[in-house]
Amino acid sequence: MRARFQFLLISVLIFSTSILIAAPRQSLVPGGIALIELDRSDQTPHFFFQGKPVLISIIDAKQFAIVGLPLSLKAGEYFISGHWGEEKALQKKFFLVANKEYTIQRITIEDDRMVNPYAKDMERIFAEQKRQRKAKNHYSRARVDVNLIQPTPGIMTGSFGRRRFFNDEARRPHSGMDIAADTGVPVLSPTDGTVVELGDFFFSGKMVYIHHGQGVTSLFAHMSKIKVKLGQKVKKGQLIGSVGATGRVTGPHLHWSLGLNGTWIDPALFLP
C-alpha cells in the first residue's frame, strides 16, 4: 500500500509539473532563448539584439521580448537595446548566458557526394544558400501566436546543437530538431504564417520556409511532398507537406528548424 501511495504521489507531481511548464520556456544557453519582461505597456516596444529586431509577445498578460541566442554565443553578459513608441531615449536590458556543451553525433552517409559535392554541384549549392539566407532573415511586423504545435507526430530525437561528423568529417552543428516518422506522414504548420521559400535543395531535399512574423521562421526539410505554394498564407495545423527522405539523410524523418532574430534556436523550447 505504501509503495502504491508513493507511486500515485510521484505521478501527481509529474502531472502537475507538466501543466505548469508553458511554452516558450527560457533557456539562457547558446541555442536557447531569453525571455525578458518589458516593464512598460503604454507604448509599442522596439528592441534589438545584435542589430536584429526581436520578437515581442504577450505571455500570461505580460509583455516579453523573446530573444534567440545563437549557437556560436560565448558565455557572458548580453543585452537588448531599444525604445518605446516614438521616444528616442535608448534603454538596455541585460541578461546572462551560460555555457553549454552539446554532444557529438557521427553519421555515415553512403553517397559520398552528399558529404563532398562535385565541383559542378557547388554552383547550385551556393545559389541555394543565397535563397536560404534571404528566407531565414525575412521580417514582417505580423503578430505571432507563440503557442506552437509539433509539426508532425513522431519521435523527437533531441539532436539540436549536436556537433556533427559526416563520414568522420566535421560539419556545422545541427540547427534543428529531427522527428523520426514514416514517409508520407503529414507535416503541419506549427502556427500561422506565410510561405517565403520552397523547392528541392541539394542537401535539404524538398524544403519549405514559413515566416510566422517578427523574424520567427520555420524550416521543414527532407519532405517527400510539398503541399503549399510560394507566397501562400497558412494557418496553424494546416497541411504543408509530408515526411520523406530527400536530400542528405539516412532515413525518413522531418527536420524542423525554428529561427528567431536571424538565428536558429531549439524548437523544443516552443513546445509544451
Protein backbone atom coordinates (compact mmCIF):
# COMPACT_ATOMS: atom_id res chain seq x y z
CA MET A 1 0.00 0.00 0.00
CA ARG A 2 2.83 2.41 0.89
CA ALA A 3 4.58 1.76 -2.43
CA ARG A 4 1.33 2.34 -4.30
CA PHE A 5 0.79 5.64 -2.44
CA GLN A 6 4.31 6.78 -3.33
CA PHE A 7 3.74 5.88 -6.97
CA LEU A 8 0.48 7.85 -7.06
CA LEU A 9 2.13 10.83 -5.36
CA ILE A 10 5.00 10.87 -7.85
CA SER A 11 2.53 10.58 -10.75
CA VAL A 12 0.53 13.55 -9.46
CA LEU A 13 3.69 15.62 -9.06
CA ILE A 14 4.84 14.82 -12.59
CA PHE A 15 1.40 15.62 -13.98
CA SER A 16 1.21 18.88 -12.04
CA THR A 17 4.68 19.90 -13.20
CA SER A 18 3.82 19.19 -16.83
CA ILE A 19 0.82 21.52 -16.54
CA LEU A 20 2.99 24.32 -15.18
CA ILE A 21 5.62 24.08 -17.94
CA ALA A 22 4.38 26.57 -20.51
CA ALA A 23 5.89 27.46 -23.85
CA PRO A 24 8.05 29.24 -24.77
CA ARG A 25 10.50 28.37 -21.99
CA GLN A 26 13.60 30.36 -21.18
CA SER A 27 16.98 28.67 -21.68
CA LEU A 28 19.92 31.04 -21.24
CA VAL A 29 22.45 29.00 -23.21
CA PRO A 30 23.70 29.11 -26.82
CA GLY A 31 20.85 27.88 -28.99
CA GLY A 32 18.30 28.82 -26.34
CA ILE A 33 16.07 31.82 -25.76
CA ALA A 34 15.92 34.70 -23.29
CA LEU A 35 12.53 35.86 -22.01
CA ILE A 36 12.87 39.49 -20.94
CA GLU A 37 9.84 41.07 -19.31
CA LEU A 38 9.23 44.61 -20.52
CA ASP A 39 8.16 46.92 -17.72
CA ARG A 40 6.02 49.25 -19.84
CA SER A 41 2.86 48.67 -21.83
CA ASP A 42 1.78 52.23 -22.70
CA GLN A 43 3.89 52.33 -25.89
CA THR A 44 4.91 49.86 -28.60
CA PRO A 45 8.36 48.40 -27.80
CA HIS A 46 11.10 48.30 -30.46
CA PHE A 47 14.04 46.23 -29.19
CA PHE A 48 17.04 44.69 -30.91
CA PHE A 49 19.67 42.04 -30.19
CA GLN A 50 22.96 42.27 -32.08
CA GLY A 51 21.31 44.51 -34.67
CA LYS A 52 18.27 42.29 -35.30
CA PRO A 53 14.71 43.11 -34.12
CA VAL A 54 13.43 40.66 -31.51
CA LEU A 55 10.03 39.05 -31.10
CA ILE A 56 7.61 40.84 -28.77
CA SER A 57 4.75 38.77 -27.36
CA ILE A 58 2.19 38.69 -24.58
CA ILE A 59 2.62 35.76 -22.15
CA ASP A 60 0.31 35.42 -19.12
CA ALA A 61 -0.91 39.00 -19.63
CA LYS A 62 2.66 40.34 -19.51
CA GLN A 63 4.74 41.73 -22.37
CA PHE A 64 8.04 39.98 -23.16
CA ALA A 65 10.92 40.30 -25.57
CA ILE A 66 11.77 36.77 -26.78
CA VAL A 67 15.39 36.64 -27.91
CA GLY A 68 17.04 33.89 -29.94
CA LEU A 69 20.57 33.09 -28.71
CA PRO A 70 22.99 31.90 -31.46
CA LEU A 71 24.78 28.58 -31.04
CA SER A 72 28.05 30.50 -31.53
CA LEU A 73 27.40 32.72 -28.49
CA LYS A 74 30.00 32.65 -25.71
CA ALA A 75 29.08 32.61 -22.02
CA GLY A 76 28.77 36.10 -20.58
CA GLU A 77 26.57 39.16 -20.15
CA TYR A 78 24.46 40.43 -23.05
CA PHE A 79 21.69 42.96 -23.55
CA ILE A 80 18.86 44.03 -25.79
CA SER A 81 18.52 47.71 -26.56
CA GLY A 82 15.64 49.75 -27.87
CA HIS A 83 12.92 52.25 -27.17
CA TRP A 84 9.16 52.58 -26.72
CA GLY A 85 6.90 54.17 -29.31
CA GLU A 86 8.26 57.39 -30.79
CA GLU A 87 10.60 58.02 -27.87
CA LYS A 88 14.25 58.37 -28.78
CA ALA A 89 15.86 57.54 -25.44
CA LEU A 90 17.54 54.10 -25.69
CA GLN A 91 17.02 51.53 -22.96
CA LYS A 92 19.14 48.45 -22.26
CA LYS A 93 18.05 45.25 -20.56
CA PHE A 94 20.79 42.84 -19.52
CA PHE A 95 20.86 39.06 -19.12
CA LEU A 96 23.47 36.35 -18.55
CA VAL A 97 24.20 33.42 -20.86
CA ALA A 98 25.79 30.23 -19.53
CA ASN A 99 27.97 27.80 -21.47
CA LYS A 100 26.57 24.53 -22.82
CA GLU A 101 28.44 21.59 -24.29
CA TYR A 102 26.40 19.77 -26.89
CA THR A 103 27.01 16.11 -27.65
CA ILE A 104 28.78 14.77 -30.75
CA GLN A 105 26.89 12.94 -33.49
CA ARG A 106 28.67 10.74 -36.04
CA ILE A 107 26.70 9.91 -39.18
CA THR A 108 27.62 7.61 -42.03
CA ILE A 109 26.39 8.74 -45.46
CA GLU A 110 26.62 6.10 -48.16
CA ASP A 111 26.56 8.64 -51.02
CA ASP A 112 29.88 10.46 -50.50
CA ARG A 113 28.73 13.13 -52.97
CA MET A 114 26.40 14.35 -50.19
CA VAL A 115 29.45 14.92 -47.98
CA ASN A 116 31.93 16.11 -50.59
CA PRO A 117 29.91 17.53 -53.51
CA TYR A 118 31.35 17.55 -57.00
CA ALA A 119 32.65 20.82 -58.42
CA LYS A 120 29.61 21.00 -60.71
CA ASP A 121 27.34 20.80 -57.65
CA MET A 122 28.80 23.86 -55.96
CA GLU A 123 27.16 26.46 -58.24
CA ARG A 124 23.76 25.01 -57.35
CA ILE A 125 24.63 24.83 -53.64
CA PHE A 126 25.83 28.46 -53.49
CA ALA A 127 22.66 29.67 -55.26
CA GLU A 128 20.50 27.69 -52.84
CA GLN A 129 22.38 29.06 -49.83
CA LYS A 130 21.68 32.61 -51.02
CA ARG A 131 17.96 31.84 -51.21
CA GLN A 132 18.04 30.23 -47.77
CA ARG A 133 19.76 33.22 -46.14
CA LYS A 134 17.13 35.54 -47.57
CA ALA A 135 14.29 33.32 -46.30
CA LYS A 136 15.88 32.95 -42.86
CA ASN A 137 16.15 36.74 -42.46
CA HIS A 138 12.66 37.56 -43.76
CA TYR A 139 10.85 40.01 -41.47
CA SER A 140 7.35 41.37 -41.04
CA ARG A 141 5.55 43.09 -38.15
CA ALA A 142 2.80 40.44 -38.01
CA ARG A 143 1.77 39.26 -34.55
CA VAL A 144 2.89 35.75 -33.66
CA ASP A 145 0.97 33.03 -31.84
CA VAL A 146 3.84 31.57 -29.79
CA ASN A 147 1.84 28.51 -28.67
CA LEU A 148 3.32 26.26 -31.34
CA ILE A 149 2.26 22.71 -32.13
CA GLN A 150 4.59 19.86 -33.08
CA PRO A 151 4.53 19.79 -36.90
CA THR A 152 4.36 16.01 -37.21
CA PRO A 153 3.79 13.08 -34.85
CA GLY A 154 6.87 11.00 -34.21
CA ILE A 155 9.92 10.58 -32.02
CA MET A 156 11.79 13.81 -31.34
CA THR A 157 15.47 12.90 -31.31
CA GLY A 158 16.69 15.89 -29.30
CA SER A 159 19.50 16.36 -31.80
CA PHE A 160 19.54 20.17 -31.82
CA GLY A 161 23.01 21.63 -31.32
CA ARG A 162 24.91 18.38 -31.72
CA ARG A 163 28.36 18.73 -33.26
CA ARG A 164 28.14 16.57 -36.35
CA PHE A 165 30.63 14.48 -38.25
CA PHE A 166 29.62 13.08 -41.65
CA ASN A 167 31.86 10.14 -42.60
CA ASP A 168 34.28 11.41 -39.91
CA GLU A 169 34.41 14.92 -41.44
CA ALA A 170 33.39 17.82 -39.19
CA ARG A 171 30.37 19.87 -40.22
CA ARG A 172 28.31 22.67 -38.64
CA PRO A 173 26.26 21.86 -35.52
CA HIS A 174 22.76 20.57 -36.10
CA SER A 175 20.46 23.58 -36.39
CA GLY A 176 17.09 21.91 -35.86
CA MET A 177 15.02 19.12 -34.40
CA ASP A 178 14.73 15.76 -36.15
CA ILE A 179 11.39 13.97 -35.79
CA ALA A 180 11.52 10.32 -36.86
CA ALA A 181 8.38 9.29 -38.75
CA ASP A 182 7.38 7.18 -41.73
CA THR A 183 7.38 8.54 -45.27
CA GLY A 184 4.02 10.12 -46.06
CA VAL A 185 3.12 11.19 -42.51
CA PRO A 186 1.53 14.68 -42.72
CA VAL A 187 3.55 17.78 -41.84
CA LEU A 188 1.53 20.67 -40.39
CA SER A 189 2.34 24.34 -39.87
CA PRO A 190 3.15 24.89 -36.15
CA THR A 191 1.42 28.30 -36.22
CA ASP A 192 0.08 30.85 -38.72
CA GLY A 193 2.46 32.17 -41.36
CA THR A 194 3.38 32.81 -44.99
CA VAL A 195 5.42 30.54 -47.30
CA VAL A 196 8.53 32.57 -48.22
CA GLU A 197 10.67 29.87 -49.89
CA LEU A 198 10.37 26.29 -51.12
CA GLY A 199 11.95 23.84 -53.53
CA ASP A 200 14.09 20.73 -53.90
CA PHE A 201 17.52 21.60 -52.46
CA PHE A 202 20.78 19.66 -52.77
CA PHE A 203 21.35 18.91 -49.06
CA SER A 204 17.89 19.54 -47.58
CA GLY A 205 15.77 17.86 -50.23
CA LYS A 206 12.20 19.08 -50.55
CA MET A 207 12.07 22.04 -48.21
CA VAL A 208 9.65 24.81 -47.14
CA TYR A 209 10.28 28.05 -45.24
CA ILE A 210 7.32 29.62 -43.41
CA HIS A 211 7.63 33.09 -41.88
CA HIS A 212 5.36 33.45 -38.85
CA GLY A 213 6.03 37.15 -38.18
CA GLN A 214 8.58 39.35 -36.37
CA GLY A 215 11.54 37.30 -37.59
CA VAL A 216 10.11 33.94 -36.47
CA THR A 217 10.69 31.41 -39.26
CA SER A 218 10.21 27.64 -39.60
CA LEU A 219 12.22 25.46 -41.98
CA PHE A 220 10.96 21.98 -42.90
CA ALA A 221 13.38 19.72 -44.77
CA HIS A 222 13.66 16.24 -46.35
CA MET A 223 9.94 16.04 -47.19
CA SER A 224 8.54 13.64 -49.78
CA LYS A 225 5.83 16.05 -50.94
CA ILE A 226 5.19 19.79 -50.69
CA LYS A 227 1.54 20.82 -50.45
CA VAL A 228 1.86 24.64 -50.43
CA LYS A 229 2.87 27.35 -52.88
CA LEU A 230 5.23 30.31 -52.65
CA GLY A 231 3.50 33.29 -51.05
CA GLN A 232 0.64 31.19 -49.67
CA LYS A 233 -0.73 32.09 -46.22
CA VAL A 234 -1.21 29.11 -43.91
CA LYS A 235 -2.99 28.57 -40.61
CA LYS A 236 -1.80 26.70 -37.52
CA GLY A 237 -2.32 22.99 -38.13
CA GLN A 238 -2.68 23.33 -41.92
CA LEU A 239 -1.13 20.63 -44.09
CA ILE A 240 2.08 21.82 -45.78
CA GLY A 241 3.62 18.52 -46.92
CA SER A 242 4.60 15.03 -45.85
CA VAL A 243 7.59 13.35 -44.22
CA GLY A 244 10.20 11.92 -46.57
CA ALA A 245 13.85 11.02 -47.07
CA THR A 246 15.00 13.51 -49.71
CA GLY A 247 18.42 15.21 -49.68
CA ARG A 248 21.20 14.18 -47.28
CA VAL A 249 19.53 11.65 -44.98
CA THR A 250 19.94 8.17 -43.56
CA GLY A 251 16.20 7.51 -43.35
CA PRO A 252 12.76 9.14 -43.37
CA HIS A 253 12.26 11.98 -40.89
CA LEU A 254 11.30 15.63 -40.66
CA HIS A 255 13.98 18.22 -39.97
CA TRP A 256 12.39 21.27 -38.34
CA SER A 257 14.41 24.42 -37.67
CA LEU A 258 12.96 27.41 -35.84
CA GLY A 259 14.56 30.83 -36.22
CA LEU A 260 14.33 33.99 -34.08
CA ASN A 261 16.07 37.29 -34.89
CA GLY A 262 18.10 35.64 -37.65
CA THR A 263 19.43 32.64 -35.68
CA TRP A 264 18.28 29.05 -35.26
CA ILE A 265 17.20 28.01 -31.77
CA ASP A 266 15.99 24.79 -30.16
CA PRO A 267 12.36 24.32 -31.35
CA ALA A 268 11.57 22.20 -28.27
CA LEU A 269 11.53 25.40 -26.19
CA PHE A 270 8.36 26.44 -28.04
CA LEU A 271 6.53 23.17 -27.45
CA PRO A 272 4.58 22.46 -24.25
